[in-house]
Amino acid sequence: MSAAIISDLRSLIEDPAVEPREKISLLLPKIRGELDRASVGPEEDLVELKRSFCRNRILHFCIDSLSGNHDKTHSEWSNTALLAHTLSTCCVGAEPEEDPEVFYQLFLPSVMDVLLSSAGQLMTRAAGSTEYYPLYRKVMDSIRWLLHAHHQLSEQVLSSLQYEQMWTCDDVSVALCCISLWNHINREFLSELTNDSVLLLLNDVVSQLAASSDTEVGAAAVRLLLLIAHQLDARRLVLFNRFKGLDCLLVKDWRGRGFNHDIDQLISILNSNWSPASRTHPQMDRVRAACVIQAVWRAHQTRSRLKKLPGAVSALQRRYRSKVTLQQQQQQAARWEEELKYQVCVRRQQARRLFHQKQQQLIQQLPPGAAVRLYSSSSCCSDDSDILEETPREEKIPCTATHIQRAASSMHAAESGDALSEEAQGSEGFAHCLSVNWSEGFDGHEEGGAKERAGGVHFTASIVYPLAA
């Protein structure tokens, strides 16, 4: 029966047509169902089933699934928490008879790594949403169950980055869960820890007492300190001497919160560490004074950092917002400048078009029998000093619309046989040539309240007509 189940699970894992997330959804019910059925029978059957899961690398597939993508939905995180609980359950009591060193030195640390990683990801979500906190609590229970059976993993947990992030989280529920992790495991685990690991744990607990004001967190931290004090015995004097002033902190901040008995018991243990015999030591006074100075200085540094933190965050946000505002203003100014240039070009083209239309209308007023030569050249401004091409029997005068109209009237009079005006009679007696220098520029063209200078077009018109007899 067990071999058939293992074969079925192996075929499901090795099936390439099934997605990894679907494999987890199909694999979990089968594994938990087999564990539930084996748990009601003899204990040997349950142990053999767990060892079969480990030998056939089914638990390795669970580890790979937990260490995969962390971008999951709430239902997928529920499967992750359930998978973590199943994995820790299979690791307890599944110690193989062959190659135990590989199991203890490689397999169990990898399981603890993925459990801590999953707990860290769920911690960030539980701090902002209450719906993820039960899943985070389930993963932490899996870690506690694994530590309860394998004490050697405690140092790995205390030195991990995810565990440190949990302790520094501001959420009260997360802090309480971290303290409860050590309160509910085997009471003999401290005897297997080194002094450095115990100091790490003590620093975390004392920091929670100094920073938190929640009653449940304070009560759990005091109970954990009592547990550590009772377990350390000979090492208690060496370790607790590093926390001078802890008794004053307990009396000042935590007395009267409902757990005075635990506080009094802990204070009595702390005071018993400094016996008269130890105080007579020649260097004890200096050591005590140095510890007090260090404790006060560390407390001052911690409070200073905590006070400066909001100001630093505000300064960073203010600088970032000012930079973004400046960039937006520069982009807006650039857009306005481009729009202004475009409007200037459009208005300039409109002015030129109007000028050309006006010039054509004026020229069309001339009689059809006249010979008119037009010379056009580009000019940026109207200037009466422009040099025209000199031809004989032509008179160069500035020409405006009035001049062209006057010339047209004279030509009509000549064709009708009327006498020419004095301006139209030449000294040579047979013809009169009028050369008109047309230069009209829009120096003061105003449109929409904005003054614009546009270059005009330079024209030269030569009008030749016969004189009256």
Protein backbone atom coordinates (compact mmCIF):
# COMPACT_ATOMS: atom_id res chain seq x y z
CA MET A 1 0.00 0.00 0.00
CA SER A 2 2.81 2.43 0.91
CA ALA A 3 4.77 1.62 -2.25
CA ALA A 4 1.74 2.34 -4.41
CA ILE A 5 1.20 5.68 -2.72
CA ILE A 6 4.84 6.67 -3.13
CA SER A 7 4.74 5.65 -6.80
CA ASP A 8 1.61 7.72 -7.34
CA LEU A 9 3.22 10.76 -5.71
CA ARG A 10 6.42 10.33 -7.71
CA SER A 11 4.51 10.14 -11.00
CA LEU A 12 2.63 13.32 -10.08
CA ILE A 13 5.87 15.17 -9.28
CA GLU A 14 7.60 14.04 -12.48
CA ASP A 15 4.64 14.78 -14.76
CA PRO A 16 5.75 17.65 -17.08
CA ALA A 17 2.21 18.41 -18.19
CA VAL A 18 1.18 19.64 -14.73
CA GLU A 19 2.15 23.14 -13.56
CA PRO A 20 4.21 23.37 -10.33
CA ARG A 21 1.44 25.25 -8.51
CA GLU A 22 -1.10 22.64 -9.56
CA LYS A 23 1.25 19.92 -8.35
CA ILE A 24 1.25 21.45 -4.86
CA SER A 25 -2.54 21.64 -4.83
CA LEU A 26 -2.77 17.96 -5.83
CA LEU A 27 0.13 16.75 -3.69
CA LEU A 28 -0.83 18.30 -0.35
CA PRO A 29 -4.16 16.48 0.19
CA LYS A 30 -2.60 13.14 -0.62
CA ILE A 31 0.37 13.59 1.73
CA ARG A 32 -1.79 14.85 4.60
CA GLY A 33 -4.32 12.09 4.04
CA GLU A 34 -1.62 9.42 4.27
CA LEU A 35 -0.14 11.03 7.39
CA ASP A 36 -3.55 11.15 9.07
CA ARG A 37 -4.24 7.50 8.27
CA ALA A 38 -0.80 6.42 9.48
CA SER A 39 -1.07 8.46 12.71
CA VAL A 40 -4.00 6.35 14.01
CA GLY A 41 -2.04 3.14 13.52
CA PRO A 42 1.22 1.92 15.00
CA GLU A 43 3.95 4.50 15.40
CA GLU A 44 6.35 2.40 13.34
CA ASP A 45 4.12 2.79 10.29
CA LEU A 46 4.10 6.58 10.62
CA VAL A 47 7.89 6.72 10.97
CA GLU A 48 8.36 4.46 7.96
CA LEU A 49 5.99 6.61 5.88
CA LYS A 50 7.96 9.75 6.73
CA ARG A 51 11.23 8.05 5.87
CA SER A 52 9.73 6.93 2.54
CA PHE A 53 8.82 10.53 1.77
CA CYS A 54 12.40 11.56 2.51
CA ARG A 55 14.05 8.69 0.57
CA ASN A 56 11.95 9.26 -2.56
CA ARG A 57 12.70 13.02 -2.55
CA ILE A 58 9.09 14.01 -2.05
CA LEU A 59 10.15 16.27 0.81
CA HIS A 60 12.85 17.77 -1.44
CA PHE A 61 10.14 18.75 -3.92
CA CYS A 62 8.28 20.45 -1.06
CA ILE A 63 11.43 22.40 -0.18
CA ASP A 64 11.86 23.53 -3.78
CA SER A 65 8.22 24.61 -3.89
CA LEU A 66 8.56 26.70 -0.72
CA SER A 67 11.69 28.43 -2.02
CA GLY A 68 10.05 29.38 -5.33
CA ASN A 69 8.26 32.54 -6.42
CA HIS A 70 6.94 34.71 -3.56
CA ASP A 71 4.49 36.65 -5.72
CA LYS A 72 1.42 34.63 -4.74
CA THR A 73 -2.25 35.11 -4.09
CA HIS A 74 -3.87 34.58 -0.69
CA SER A 75 -4.98 31.05 -1.58
CA GLU A 76 -1.46 30.18 -2.75
CA TRP A 77 -0.02 31.53 0.51
CA SER A 78 -2.53 29.31 2.35
CA ASN A 79 -1.12 26.31 0.50
CA THR A 80 2.39 27.52 1.36
CA ALA A 81 1.58 27.67 5.08
CA LEU A 82 -0.02 24.22 4.94
CA LEU A 83 2.96 22.85 3.04
CA ALA A 84 5.35 24.30 5.66
CA HIS A 85 3.36 22.63 8.44
CA THR A 86 3.38 19.31 6.56
CA LEU A 87 7.12 19.54 5.90
CA SER A 88 7.99 20.20 9.56
CA THR A 89 5.72 17.34 10.61
CA CYS A 90 7.49 14.93 8.25
CA CYS A 91 10.92 16.04 9.50
CA VAL A 92 10.08 15.13 13.10
CA GLY A 93 10.51 11.41 13.60
CA ALA A 94 11.82 10.77 10.10
CA GLU A 95 15.47 10.40 11.03
CA PRO A 96 16.94 7.94 8.52
CA GLU A 97 18.96 4.97 9.58
CA GLU A 98 21.41 5.49 6.72
CA ASP A 99 23.47 8.65 6.24
CA PRO A 100 22.21 10.55 9.31
CA GLU A 101 24.89 13.19 8.86
CA VAL A 102 23.40 14.28 5.51
CA PHE A 103 19.99 14.51 7.16
CA TYR A 104 21.15 16.59 10.15
CA GLN A 105 23.77 18.78 8.47
CA LEU A 106 22.22 19.40 5.04
CA PHE A 107 18.56 18.48 4.87
CA LEU A 108 17.31 19.97 8.16
CA PRO A 109 19.15 23.33 7.70
CA SER A 110 17.65 23.65 4.20
CA VAL A 111 14.18 23.00 5.63
CA MET A 112 14.72 25.66 8.29
CA ASP A 113 15.93 28.15 5.66
CA VAL A 114 12.78 27.82 3.54
CA LEU A 115 10.57 27.99 6.64
CA LEU A 116 12.25 31.20 7.81
CA SER A 117 12.04 32.67 4.31
CA SER A 118 8.32 31.93 4.10
CA ALA A 119 7.78 33.35 7.59
CA GLY A 120 9.62 36.55 6.62
CA GLN A 121 7.48 37.02 3.50
CA LEU A 122 4.29 36.42 5.44
CA MET A 123 5.49 38.77 8.20
CA THR A 124 5.67 41.71 5.79
CA ARG A 125 2.10 40.96 4.66
CA ALA A 126 0.78 40.30 8.18
CA ALA A 127 2.10 43.69 9.34
CA GLY A 128 -0.19 45.44 6.83
CA SER A 129 -3.15 43.03 6.66
CA THR A 130 -4.75 40.94 9.38
CA GLU A 131 -5.81 38.20 6.98
CA TYR A 132 -2.20 37.03 6.59
CA TYR A 133 -1.48 36.83 10.32
CA PRO A 134 -3.00 33.30 10.81
CA LEU A 135 -0.82 32.04 7.96
CA TYR A 136 2.26 33.66 9.52
CA ARG A 137 1.35 32.11 12.86
CA LYS A 138 1.03 28.67 11.26
CA VAL A 139 4.50 28.92 9.70
CA MET A 140 5.97 30.06 13.03
CA ASP A 141 4.32 27.07 14.72
CA SER A 142 6.01 24.87 12.12
CA ILE A 143 9.38 26.41 13.03
CA ARG A 144 8.67 25.92 16.73
CA TRP A 145 7.72 22.26 16.15
CA LEU A 146 10.95 21.69 14.24
CA LEU A 147 13.03 23.40 16.95
CA HIS A 148 11.30 21.37 19.62
CA ALA A 149 12.62 18.16 18.02
CA HIS A 150 15.99 19.43 16.77
CA HIS A 151 17.65 21.84 19.20
CA GLN A 152 20.77 22.21 17.08
CA LEU A 153 18.81 24.44 14.67
CA SER A 154 18.38 27.15 17.34
CA GLU A 155 21.66 28.86 16.50
CA GLN A 156 20.73 28.91 12.82
CA VAL A 157 17.44 30.63 13.68
CA LEU A 158 19.03 33.20 16.00
CA SER A 159 21.64 34.20 13.41
CA SER A 160 19.31 34.37 10.40
CA LEU A 161 18.41 37.65 8.71
CA GLN A 162 14.69 36.86 8.54
CA TYR A 163 14.55 36.28 12.29
CA GLU A 164 16.28 39.61 12.92
CA GLN A 165 13.74 41.38 10.71
CA MET A 166 10.93 39.82 12.72
CA TRP A 167 12.37 41.18 15.95
CA THR A 168 12.73 44.68 14.53
CA CYS A 169 9.15 44.74 13.22
CA ASP A 170 6.91 47.32 14.90
CA ASP A 171 3.83 45.11 14.82
CA VAL A 172 2.87 43.86 18.28
CA SER A 173 1.49 40.54 17.03
CA VAL A 174 4.73 39.71 15.21
CA ALA A 175 6.84 40.55 18.28
CA LEU A 176 4.58 38.46 20.52
CA CYS A 177 4.82 35.53 18.11
CA CYS A 178 8.64 35.71 18.13
CA ILE A 179 8.79 35.69 21.93
CA SER A 180 6.28 32.85 22.15
CA LEU A 181 8.48 30.83 19.79
CA TRP A 182 11.03 30.35 22.57
CA ASN A 183 8.57 30.13 25.44
CA HIS A 184 6.83 27.05 24.06
CA ILE A 185 9.73 24.88 22.90
CA ASN A 186 11.64 22.37 24.95
CA ARG A 187 12.94 23.98 28.14
CA GLU A 188 16.35 22.31 27.75
CA PHE A 189 17.30 24.00 24.49
CA LEU A 190 19.38 26.73 26.20
CA SER A 191 21.87 24.20 27.51
CA GLU A 192 22.93 23.44 23.93
CA LEU A 193 23.41 27.10 22.92
CA THR A 194 26.70 28.94 23.09
CA ASN A 195 27.13 32.15 25.06
CA ASP A 196 27.00 34.23 21.89
CA SER A 197 23.67 32.73 20.85
CA VAL A 198 22.21 33.26 24.33
CA LEU A 199 23.41 36.88 24.24
CA LEU A 200 21.66 37.38 20.89
CA LEU A 201 18.42 36.10 22.39
CA LEU A 202 18.83 38.23 25.54
CA ASN A 203 19.52 41.36 23.47
CA ASP A 204 16.34 40.79 21.48
CA VAL A 205 14.19 40.24 24.56
CA VAL A 206 15.60 43.22 26.48
CA SER A 207 15.20 45.46 23.42
CA GLN A 208 11.52 44.52 23.28
CA LEU A 209 11.15 45.43 26.95
CA ALA A 210 12.79 48.80 26.32
CA ALA A 211 10.93 49.67 23.10
CA SER A 212 7.48 48.13 23.50
CA SER A 213 4.65 49.26 25.75
CA ASP A 214 2.23 46.40 25.11
CA THR A 215 1.29 44.40 28.21
CA GLU A 216 1.22 41.00 26.47
CA VAL A 217 4.66 41.57 24.94
CA GLY A 218 6.06 42.65 28.32
CA ALA A 219 4.60 39.65 30.14
CA ALA A 220 5.93 37.20 27.52
CA ALA A 221 9.39 38.83 27.58
CA VAL A 222 9.59 38.63 31.41
CA ARG A 223 8.58 34.96 31.35
CA LEU A 224 11.24 34.24 28.74
CA LEU A 225 13.89 36.02 30.84
CA LEU A 226 12.85 33.93 33.84
CA LEU A 227 13.18 30.77 31.74
CA ILE A 228 16.65 31.79 30.58
CA ALA A 229 17.72 32.70 34.12
CA HIS A 230 16.58 29.32 35.49
CA GLN A 231 18.24 27.40 32.65
CA LEU A 232 21.62 29.15 32.63
CA ASP A 233 22.63 28.57 36.27
CA ALA A 234 26.44 28.92 36.19
CA ARG A 235 26.48 31.13 33.11
CA ARG A 236 23.79 33.42 34.46
CA LEU A 237 26.24 35.71 36.29
CA VAL A 238 28.42 36.24 33.22
CA LEU A 239 25.53 36.93 30.84
CA PHE A 240 23.20 39.04 32.98
CA ASN A 241 26.02 41.30 34.11
CA ARG A 242 25.87 42.83 30.64
CA PHE A 243 22.41 44.23 31.33
CA LYS A 244 22.89 46.57 34.23
CA GLY A 245 19.82 48.65 34.94
CA LEU A 246 17.40 45.94 33.81
CA ASP A 247 15.87 45.79 37.29
CA CYS A 248 15.23 49.54 37.24
CA LEU A 249 13.60 49.23 33.82
CA LEU A 250 11.30 46.47 35.09
CA VAL A 251 10.26 48.47 38.14
CA LYS A 252 9.79 51.75 36.32
CA ASP A 253 8.01 50.63 33.13
CA TRP A 254 6.39 47.27 33.83
CA ARG A 255 5.34 47.09 37.45
CA GLY A 256 1.59 47.27 37.94
CA ARG A 257 0.74 45.65 34.58
CA GLY A 258 -0.68 42.41 36.03
CA PHE A 259 2.48 40.26 36.26
CA ASN A 260 4.20 41.74 39.31
CA HIS A 261 4.99 38.27 40.67
CA ASP A 262 7.14 37.42 37.64
CA ILE A 263 8.82 40.84 37.80
CA ASP A 264 9.69 40.45 41.50
CA GLN A 265 11.03 36.96 40.89
CA LEU A 266 13.22 38.15 38.03
CA ILE A 267 14.50 41.13 40.02
CA SER A 268 15.43 38.85 42.92
CA ILE A 269 17.38 36.63 40.52
CA LEU A 270 19.16 39.64 39.04
CA ASN A 271 20.09 40.99 42.47
CA SER A 272 21.35 37.59 43.59
CA ASN A 273 23.90 37.61 40.81
CA TRP A 274 25.89 40.35 42.57
CA SER A 275 26.82 38.70 45.86
CA PRO A 276 29.04 40.43 48.46
CA ALA A 277 31.88 38.08 47.58
CA SER A 278 31.76 39.19 43.98
CA ARG A 279 31.60 42.85 44.99
CA THR A 280 34.87 42.52 46.94
CA HIS A 281 36.71 41.69 43.76
CA PRO A 282 39.26 44.46 43.04
CA GLN A 283 38.09 45.00 39.48
CA MET A 284 34.36 44.58 40.10
CA ASP A 285 33.69 48.25 40.84
CA ARG A 286 35.38 49.33 37.65
CA VAL A 287 33.59 46.68 35.62
CA ARG A 288 30.25 47.72 37.12
CA ALA A 289 30.93 51.38 36.41
CA ALA A 290 31.97 50.62 32.85
CA CYS A 291 28.81 48.54 32.33
CA VAL A 292 26.64 51.36 33.64
CA ILE A 293 28.33 53.89 31.36
CA GLN A 294 28.01 51.62 28.36
CA ALA A 295 24.37 50.89 29.10
CA VAL A 296 23.54 54.60 29.46
CA TRP A 297 25.45 55.47 26.30
CA ARG A 298 23.80 52.72 24.29
CA ALA A 299 20.38 53.79 25.53
CA HIS A 300 21.18 57.39 24.58
CA GLN A 301 22.30 56.36 21.09
CA THR A 302 19.20 54.24 20.59
CA ARG A 303 16.87 57.05 21.68
CA SER A 304 18.73 59.55 19.49
CA ARG A 305 18.41 57.32 16.44
CA LEU A 306 14.73 56.78 17.12
CA LYS A 307 14.14 60.53 17.47
CA LYS A 308 16.07 61.40 14.31
CA LEU A 309 14.46 58.73 12.19
CA PRO A 310 11.18 60.62 11.44
CA GLY A 311 13.13 63.79 10.63
CA ALA A 312 15.43 61.95 8.24
CA VAL A 313 12.49 60.32 6.49
CA SER A 314 10.72 63.68 6.21
CA ALA A 315 13.86 65.31 4.79
CA LEU A 316 14.24 62.57 2.18
CA GLN A 317 10.60 62.88 1.20
CA ARG A 318 10.85 66.68 1.03
CA ARG A 319 13.93 66.57 -1.20
CA TYR A 320 12.39 64.00 -3.46
CA ARG A 321 9.17 65.99 -3.82
CA SER A 322 11.06 69.22 -4.52
CA LYS A 323 13.13 67.48 -7.18
CA VAL A 324 10.04 66.03 -8.82
CA THR A 325 8.32 69.44 -8.71
CA LEU A 326 11.36 71.13 -10.29
CA GLN A 327 11.48 68.55 -13.06
CA GLN A 328 7.78 69.04 -13.74
CA GLN A 329 8.22 72.81 -13.88
CA GLN A 330 11.12 72.50 -16.28
CA GLN A 331 9.15 70.17 -18.52
CA GLN A 332 6.17 72.53 -18.43
CA ALA A 333 8.39 75.52 -19.30
CA ALA A 334 9.91 73.57 -22.19
CA ARG A 335 6.44 72.69 -23.48
CA TRP A 336 5.34 76.33 -23.21
CA GLU A 337 8.42 77.50 -25.10
CA GLU A 338 7.84 75.02 -27.89
CA GLU A 339 4.20 76.04 -28.11
CA LEU A 340 5.17 79.72 -28.24
CA LYS A 341 7.65 79.06 -31.05
CA TYR A 342 5.00 77.17 -32.96
CA GLN A 343 2.48 80.00 -32.51
CA VAL A 344 5.06 82.56 -33.70
CA CYS A 345 5.72 80.53 -36.85
CA VAL A 346 2.01 80.16 -37.53
CA ARG A 347 1.34 83.87 -37.08
CA ARG A 348 4.31 84.76 -39.26
CA GLN A 349 3.01 82.55 -42.04
CA GLN A 350 -0.44 84.08 -41.71
CA ALA A 351 1.03 87.60 -41.92
CA ARG A 352 2.99 86.73 -45.04
CA ARG A 353 -0.07 85.17 -46.63
CA LEU A 354 -2.16 88.29 -45.92
CA PHE A 355 0.60 90.51 -47.33
CA HIS A 356 0.79 88.49 -50.54
CA GLN A 357 -2.96 88.59 -50.96
CA LYS A 358 -3.02 92.37 -50.45
CA GLN A 359 -0.19 92.88 -52.94
CA GLN A 360 -1.94 90.75 -55.54
CA GLN A 361 -5.19 92.64 -55.06
CA LEU A 362 -3.44 95.98 -55.58
CA ILE A 363 -1.59 94.82 -58.70
CA GLN A 364 -4.79 93.43 -60.17
CA GLN A 365 -6.18 96.97 -60.16
CA LEU A 366 -3.71 97.98 -62.91
CA PRO A 367 -5.12 98.17 -66.50
CA PRO A 368 -4.36 95.16 -68.70
CA GLY A 369 -2.49 97.23 -71.33
CA ALA A 370 0.32 98.25 -69.02
CA ALA A 371 3.66 96.45 -68.87
CA VAL A 372 4.45 95.64 -65.34
CA ARG A 373 7.65 93.99 -64.14
CA LEU A 374 7.83 92.72 -60.65
CA TYR A 375 11.00 91.80 -58.87
CA SER A 376 10.67 89.96 -55.59
CA SER A 377 13.40 89.38 -53.04
CA SER A 378 13.30 88.33 -49.37
CA SER A 379 13.86 90.99 -46.73
CA CYS A 380 13.70 90.92 -42.91
CA CYS A 381 12.65 94.54 -42.54
CA SER A 382 11.56 97.45 -44.75
CA ASP A 383 14.42 99.81 -45.55
CA ASP A 384 14.24 102.75 -47.98
CA SER A 385 17.96 102.46 -48.64
CA ASP A 386 17.71 99.12 -50.52
CA ILE A 387 19.63 99.20 -53.75
CA LEU A 388 17.54 98.60 -56.83
CA GLU A 389 18.78 97.60 -60.22
CA GLU A 390 19.53 100.83 -62.17
CA THR A 391 18.01 101.02 -65.63
CA PRO A 392 17.80 104.08 -67.88
CA ARG A 393 14.68 106.18 -68.09
CA GLU A 394 13.37 104.92 -64.77
CA GLU A 395 12.74 106.85 -61.60
CA LYS A 396 13.07 105.01 -58.31
CA ILE A 397 10.70 106.17 -55.61
CA PRO A 398 9.29 104.43 -52.53
CA CYS A 399 6.07 102.80 -53.54
CA THR A 400 3.10 102.18 -51.33
CA ALA A 401 -0.47 101.21 -52.02
CA THR A 402 -1.28 104.90 -52.65
CA HIS A 403 1.51 105.13 -55.25
CA ILE A 404 0.22 102.12 -57.15
CA GLN A 405 -3.32 103.49 -57.10
CA ARG A 406 -2.08 106.90 -58.31
CA ALA A 407 -0.12 105.24 -61.11
CA ALA A 408 -3.14 103.22 -62.12
CA SER A 409 -5.30 106.37 -62.23
CA SER A 410 -2.72 108.12 -64.41
CA MET A 411 -2.63 105.22 -66.83
CA HIS A 412 -6.44 105.22 -67.08
CA ALA A 413 -6.35 108.93 -67.80
CA ALA A 414 -3.73 108.44 -70.52
CA GLU A 415 -5.77 105.75 -72.23
CA SER A 416 -8.86 107.96 -72.17
CA GLY A 417 -6.98 110.88 -73.76
CA ASP A 418 -6.97 113.12 -70.69
CA ALA A 419 -4.05 115.30 -69.80
CA LEU A 420 -1.43 113.78 -67.54
CA SER A 421 -0.50 115.28 -64.28
CA GLU A 422 2.78 117.00 -63.82
CA GLU A 423 4.18 114.04 -61.91
CA ALA A 424 3.46 111.78 -64.89
CA GLN A 425 5.05 114.03 -67.60
CA GLY A 426 8.70 113.43 -68.46
CA SER A 427 11.28 115.77 -69.93
CA GLU A 428 11.95 113.58 -72.95
CA GLY A 429 8.36 114.01 -74.32
CA PHE A 430 7.46 110.57 -75.69
CA ALA A 431 7.23 108.23 -72.68
CA HIS A 432 7.30 108.22 -68.99
CA CYS A 433 8.72 105.41 -66.92
CA LEU A 434 7.85 104.99 -63.33
CA SER A 435 9.86 102.56 -61.28
CA VAL A 436 8.32 101.81 -57.97
CA ASN A 437 10.30 100.41 -55.07
CA TRP A 438 7.83 98.45 -52.98
CA SER A 439 9.01 97.58 -49.53
CA GLU A 440 6.35 97.07 -47.03
CA GLY A 441 7.11 95.23 -43.74
CA PHE A 442 5.04 94.29 -40.81
CA ASP A 443 7.08 95.93 -38.11
CA GLY A 444 4.24 96.45 -35.69
CA HIS A 445 1.84 93.63 -36.45
CA GLU A 446 -0.26 92.86 -33.36
CA GLU A 447 -2.48 89.88 -32.96
CA GLY A 448 -4.15 88.51 -29.82
CA GLY A 449 -2.38 91.05 -27.60
CA ALA A 450 1.12 89.82 -28.57
CA LYS A 451 3.39 92.04 -30.66
CA GLU A 452 5.23 90.25 -33.41
CA ARG A 453 7.84 91.43 -35.92
CA ALA A 454 7.69 89.76 -39.30
CA GLY A 455 9.93 90.38 -42.27
CA GLY A 456 8.28 91.84 -45.31
CA VAL A 457 8.83 91.08 -49.01
CA HIS A 458 10.68 93.52 -51.25
CA PHE A 459 9.07 94.26 -54.61
CA THR A 460 10.16 96.45 -57.51
CA ALA A 461 7.45 97.44 -59.99
CA SER A 462 8.26 99.21 -63.24
CA ILE A 463 5.22 100.67 -64.99
CA VAL A 464 5.65 101.95 -68.56
CA TYR A 465 2.83 103.73 -70.38
CA PRO A 466 2.70 106.17 -73.40
CA LEU A 467 2.35 109.91 -72.86
CA ALA A 468 -0.60 111.75 -74.26
CA ALA A 469 -0.04 113.57 -77.54
